[in-house]
Each structure stands twice: as structure tokens, then as C-alpha cells.
């Protein structure tokens, strides 16, 4: 089809507009056929296993055990992998073979930000300390789900204990208590968690509950002196 239209003032131009050719679809390359020798080796080593899958839990068929000594089967790592992928559907990169692998770069970053918060706290800059501890806690909680839970628990609980003290320094005792309660849940036998809770309760004029929190904390370390 041919028509005319203006491209500039006083200038006419005519050309044809025909149907555009359909885009060419790229053909996917066909996979190479398997090497017969390797396929034969795989077939020779193939040993079918009687297993059952219950959600993300893999266990042996006869005994319903994830680790079964009688069948000489161990599905623990397979179950861990299935659980991680089931609970985290947005994971793009699969977990590494060694699921205890630690992200050292993240550990360094979290420690650096936490140390900055410590410096703010020592300088009496409690509001700035709260900000740094919040960033550190968020970074720590961004760890991949296959990293060691004990590390994450210790890392986050320490940061939140420090943030609780910073909130108390800002006279925000409700936030200080919330952080202290979270730390108690994560590390029930850590005296400092109960000290932070006691200080927050004291700030809220809940003196009896503060004494109870101190008593629980001291029960874990009877010789520990009450300090900051």
C-alpha cells in the first residue's frame, strides 16, 4: 500500500508500507546423543531404591526413616535440599553442594556495620547506633537459607541486644523491650538478653518484672555481676 505524508514543513514524501515478514523463530539445537559407553556405565551402576516422599521429606520405603541403617540409606542431605527449595520458591541459584558453606563477605560486612554501631553507642549517639544496628540485622538476615542457623542466631541476637541498649539510650523503652524479648527467644540461656529486658522494664517502671528478668539471667551465671 502506497501513501503520502509530510516529513518536514513543505516536504512531501511517498513510500510503500507492506506487511512485515514474520520474525524468524530460532531453532533450539538438538542435544547430542549420549555416549554409548558412558550410558552403559550409568545403566550398570543404576540401583533402584525404595523410597517415599512426604512433602519435602525423603525416607526409605520399608522403615520410613530419613537415615536408615537397616537399608544403608541416608536421605538427610536430599531432604535438606528439598526443604530449602520448598520453603524458598524464589531461589534462582541452587544451594551449593556443601550447604554449610559460609558467606564470609557477608560476615565481614555485618561485623563492620555492627562495629560502627558500637562506636556510635560508645559516643552516646544512640539514634545513629540504632540505624547501624538495624542495617546490620537486615544484612545478617539476608543470609542464604542453607547457611548455618547457629551462626545466624548468634549474629542477629547480638545485634538486637545492642540495639535494645541503644533504644533504651533514646528512652524508647518499648522498642528496647521488643528487641530484648526477641533476643530471649533466640538465646534463652544468655544472661545479657535478660539484662537488656530488665533495663527496658525498669525504664517502663515495671520494677517487679525487671527483677524477675534479672533473676532468670543470673540463674544461668550465678557469679556474673550485673553490668551494662
Protein backbone atom coordinates (compact mmCIF):
# COMPACT_ATOMS: atom_id res chain seq x y z
CA UNK A 1 0.00 0.00 0.00
CA UNK A 2 1.30 3.42 -1.03
CA UNK A 3 0.52 6.78 0.59
CA UNK A 4 1.99 10.23 1.11
CA UNK A 5 2.67 12.10 4.31
CA UNK A 6 4.74 15.03 5.47
CA UNK A 7 8.19 14.54 6.98
CA UNK A 8 9.04 18.26 7.31
CA UNK A 9 7.25 21.57 6.62
CA UNK A 10 6.67 21.86 2.88
CA UNK A 11 8.21 18.46 2.12
CA UNK A 12 6.15 15.50 0.95
CA UNK A 13 7.44 12.00 0.74
CA UNK A 14 5.82 8.86 -0.54
CA UNK A 15 6.78 5.28 0.01
CA UNK A 16 5.18 1.88 0.39
CA UNK A 17 4.19 0.13 3.58
CA UNK A 18 3.75 -3.58 3.08
CA UNK A 19 3.14 -6.34 5.60
CA UNK A 20 6.21 -7.07 7.68
CA UNK A 21 7.61 -10.54 7.35
CA UNK A 22 7.10 -12.66 10.45
CA UNK A 23 10.14 -12.88 12.72
CA UNK A 24 12.18 -15.95 12.19
CA UNK A 25 11.99 -18.38 15.07
CA UNK A 26 15.33 -19.65 16.26
CA UNK A 27 15.54 -23.38 16.34
CA UNK A 28 16.83 -24.87 19.52
CA UNK A 29 19.88 -27.03 18.91
CA UNK A 30 19.18 -30.71 19.34
CA UNK A 31 21.08 -32.26 22.25
CA UNK A 32 23.88 -34.54 21.28
CA UNK A 33 23.12 -38.23 21.64
CA UNK A 34 24.58 -39.79 24.79
CA UNK A 35 27.90 -41.51 24.58
CA UNK A 36 27.04 -45.22 24.42
CA UNK A 37 29.95 -46.21 26.66
CA UNK A 38 29.02 -43.66 29.36
CA UNK A 39 25.32 -44.60 29.12
CA UNK A 40 26.21 -48.26 29.53
CA UNK A 41 28.28 -47.41 32.63
CA UNK A 42 25.39 -45.41 34.11
CA UNK A 43 22.96 -48.25 33.42
CA UNK A 44 25.30 -50.76 35.01
CA UNK A 45 25.56 -48.68 38.20
CA UNK A 46 21.84 -47.90 38.40
CA UNK A 47 20.39 -49.39 41.58
CA UNK A 48 16.71 -48.61 42.18
CA UNK A 49 15.93 -47.55 45.74
CA UNK A 50 12.63 -48.00 47.55
CA UNK A 51 11.88 -44.52 48.86
CA UNK A 52 8.87 -42.38 49.75
CA UNK A 53 8.43 -38.62 49.59
CA UNK A 54 6.25 -36.90 52.18
CA UNK A 55 6.17 -33.21 51.30
CA UNK A 56 9.86 -32.33 51.31
CA UNK A 57 10.90 -35.30 53.49
CA UNK A 58 12.51 -38.24 51.75
CA UNK A 59 12.69 -41.54 53.61
CA UNK A 60 13.16 -45.20 52.91
CA UNK A 61 10.07 -47.16 51.98
CA UNK A 62 10.26 -50.09 54.37
CA UNK A 63 11.10 -48.18 57.58
CA UNK A 64 10.03 -44.57 56.94
CA UNK A 65 13.45 -43.34 58.08
CA UNK A 66 15.39 -40.41 56.63
CA UNK A 67 18.61 -42.12 57.76
CA UNK A 68 18.07 -45.88 57.74
CA UNK A 69 20.86 -48.15 58.97
CA UNK A 70 18.95 -51.29 58.05
CA UNK A 71 18.66 -50.22 54.40
CA UNK A 72 22.01 -48.44 54.46
CA UNK A 73 20.36 -45.30 53.08
CA UNK A 74 20.87 -41.67 54.02
CA UNK A 75 18.40 -39.13 52.62
CA UNK A 76 19.30 -36.35 55.06
CA UNK A 77 21.04 -34.05 52.58
CA UNK A 78 18.39 -34.70 49.94
CA UNK A 79 15.69 -33.82 52.48
CA UNK A 80 17.55 -30.64 53.46
CA UNK A 81 17.79 -29.60 49.83
CA UNK A 82 14.11 -30.37 49.17
CA UNK A 83 13.08 -28.42 52.28
CA UNK A 84 15.13 -25.38 51.29
CA UNK A 85 13.72 -25.32 47.77
CA UNK A 86 10.16 -25.88 49.01
CA UNK A 87 10.31 -23.12 51.62
CA UNK A 88 12.13 -20.67 49.33
CA UNK A 89 10.44 -20.85 45.91
CA UNK A 90 12.15 -17.65 44.75
CA UNK A 91 15.66 -19.09 44.94
CA UNK A 92 17.22 -18.77 41.50
CA UNK A 93 20.65 -20.21 42.20
CA UNK A 94 20.51 -23.70 43.69
CA UNK A 95 22.28 -24.36 47.00
CA UNK A 96 25.94 -25.38 46.81
CA UNK A 97 26.96 -28.98 47.32
CA UNK A 98 28.37 -28.02 50.73
CA UNK A 99 25.29 -26.48 52.36
CA UNK A 100 27.33 -25.45 55.41
CA UNK A 101 29.19 -23.00 53.21
CA UNK A 102 29.57 -19.61 54.89
CA UNK A 103 29.32 -16.28 53.07
CA UNK A 104 32.47 -14.71 54.51
CA UNK A 105 31.98 -11.46 52.62
CA UNK A 106 28.59 -11.01 54.26
CA UNK A 107 30.06 -11.85 57.67
CA UNK A 108 32.71 -9.16 57.18
CA UNK A 109 30.11 -6.62 56.09
CA UNK A 110 27.79 -7.36 59.03
CA UNK A 111 30.66 -7.09 61.52
CA UNK A 112 31.81 -3.79 60.01
CA UNK A 113 28.34 -2.22 60.28
CA UNK A 114 27.86 -3.61 63.79
CA UNK A 115 31.21 -2.16 64.86
CA UNK A 116 30.14 1.21 63.51
CA UNK A 117 27.05 0.94 65.69
CA UNK A 118 29.24 0.09 68.67
CA UNK A 119 31.29 3.22 68.06
CA UNK A 120 28.10 5.31 67.88
CA UNK A 121 26.85 3.77 71.10
CA UNK A 122 30.08 4.45 72.98
CA UNK A 123 29.96 8.05 71.77
CA UNK A 124 26.42 8.44 73.12
CA UNK A 125 24.99 8.69 69.59
CA UNK A 126 22.19 6.28 70.35
CA UNK A 127 19.94 7.23 67.44
CA UNK A 128 22.78 6.64 64.98
CA UNK A 129 23.61 3.36 66.70
CA UNK A 130 20.01 2.21 66.22
CA UNK A 131 20.32 2.91 62.49
CA UNK A 132 23.59 0.99 62.12
CA UNK A 133 22.36 -1.97 64.15
CA UNK A 134 19.16 -2.11 62.09
CA UNK A 135 21.15 -2.21 58.85
CA UNK A 136 23.45 -4.89 60.29
CA UNK A 137 20.49 -7.02 61.40
CA UNK A 138 18.84 -6.74 57.99
CA UNK A 139 22.06 -7.72 56.24
CA UNK A 140 22.55 -10.68 58.59
CA UNK A 141 19.02 -11.92 57.94
CA UNK A 142 19.67 -11.87 54.20
CA UNK A 143 21.86 -14.96 54.54
CA UNK A 144 21.00 -17.84 52.27
CA UNK A 145 18.76 -20.38 54.00
CA UNK A 146 21.38 -23.11 53.74
CA UNK A 147 23.94 -21.22 55.83
CA UNK A 148 24.36 -22.42 59.45
CA UNK A 149 21.36 -21.45 61.62
CA UNK A 150 23.51 -21.23 64.74
CA UNK A 151 25.62 -18.51 63.16
CA UNK A 152 22.58 -16.50 62.10
CA UNK A 153 21.00 -16.85 65.56
CA UNK A 154 24.13 -15.66 67.36
CA UNK A 155 24.78 -12.87 64.86
CA UNK A 156 21.26 -11.42 64.93
CA UNK A 157 20.73 -11.85 68.67
CA UNK A 158 23.95 -9.96 69.43
CA UNK A 159 22.96 -7.11 67.14
CA UNK A 160 19.44 -6.89 68.58
CA UNK A 161 20.81 -6.90 72.13
CA UNK A 162 22.97 -3.93 71.21
CA UNK A 163 20.05 -2.22 69.51
CA UNK A 164 17.91 -2.77 72.62
CA UNK A 165 20.52 -0.90 74.67
CA UNK A 166 20.55 1.87 72.04
CA UNK A 167 16.76 2.19 72.14
CA UNK A 168 17.00 2.45 75.91
CA UNK A 169 19.57 5.21 75.45
CA UNK A 170 16.98 7.02 73.31
CA UNK A 171 14.38 6.45 76.08
CA UNK A 172 12.35 4.31 73.67
CA UNK A 173 11.80 1.57 76.21
CA UNK A 174 9.00 -0.17 74.32
CA UNK A 175 11.28 -0.79 71.33
CA UNK A 176 14.08 -1.75 73.73
CA UNK A 177 11.78 -4.33 75.34
CA UNK A 178 10.68 -5.70 71.96
CA UNK A 179 14.30 -6.29 70.93
CA UNK A 180 15.15 -7.82 74.29
CA UNK A 181 12.19 -10.21 74.06
CA UNK A 182 13.33 -11.27 70.59
CA UNK A 183 16.83 -11.96 71.92
CA UNK A 184 15.42 -14.03 74.79
CA UNK A 185 13.51 -16.15 72.27
CA UNK A 186 16.66 -16.72 70.21
CA UNK A 187 19.06 -17.37 73.11
CA UNK A 188 17.12 -18.39 76.18
CA UNK A 189 20.22 -19.14 78.25
CA UNK A 190 22.11 -15.89 77.52
CA UNK A 191 22.25 -13.67 80.63
CA UNK A 192 22.72 -10.47 78.62
CA UNK A 193 19.32 -10.98 76.98
CA UNK A 194 17.63 -10.83 80.39
CA UNK A 195 19.73 -7.84 81.42
CA UNK A 196 18.53 -5.95 78.36
CA UNK A 197 14.97 -6.96 79.18
CA UNK A 198 15.34 -5.85 82.80
CA UNK A 199 16.68 -2.43 81.77
CA UNK A 200 13.80 -1.91 79.35
CA UNK A 201 11.27 -2.92 82.00
CA UNK A 202 12.90 -0.59 84.52
CA UNK A 203 12.52 2.24 82.01
CA UNK A 204 8.82 1.39 81.81
CA UNK A 205 8.56 1.44 85.64
CA UNK A 206 7.87 -2.30 85.68
CA UNK A 207 10.25 -2.90 88.57
CA UNK A 208 8.94 -6.30 89.72
CA UNK A 209 9.15 -7.74 86.22
CA UNK A 210 12.62 -6.23 85.83
CA UNK A 211 13.78 -8.03 88.97
CA UNK A 212 12.28 -11.28 87.69
CA UNK A 213 14.19 -10.91 84.42
CA UNK A 214 17.44 -10.27 86.30
CA UNK A 215 16.84 -13.31 88.48
CA UNK A 216 16.39 -15.54 85.42
CA UNK A 217 19.51 -14.16 83.78
CA UNK A 218 21.61 -14.63 86.90
CA UNK A 219 20.39 -18.21 87.22
CA UNK A 220 22.43 -19.04 84.12
CA UNK A 221 25.57 -17.37 85.52
CA UNK A 222 25.22 -17.03 89.29
CA UNK A 223 28.66 -15.44 89.62
CA UNK A 224 28.06 -12.91 86.87
CA UNK A 225 27.91 -9.32 88.14
CA UNK A 226 25.13 -7.12 86.80
CA UNK A 227 26.68 -4.72 84.32
CA UNK A 228 25.81 -2.93 81.12
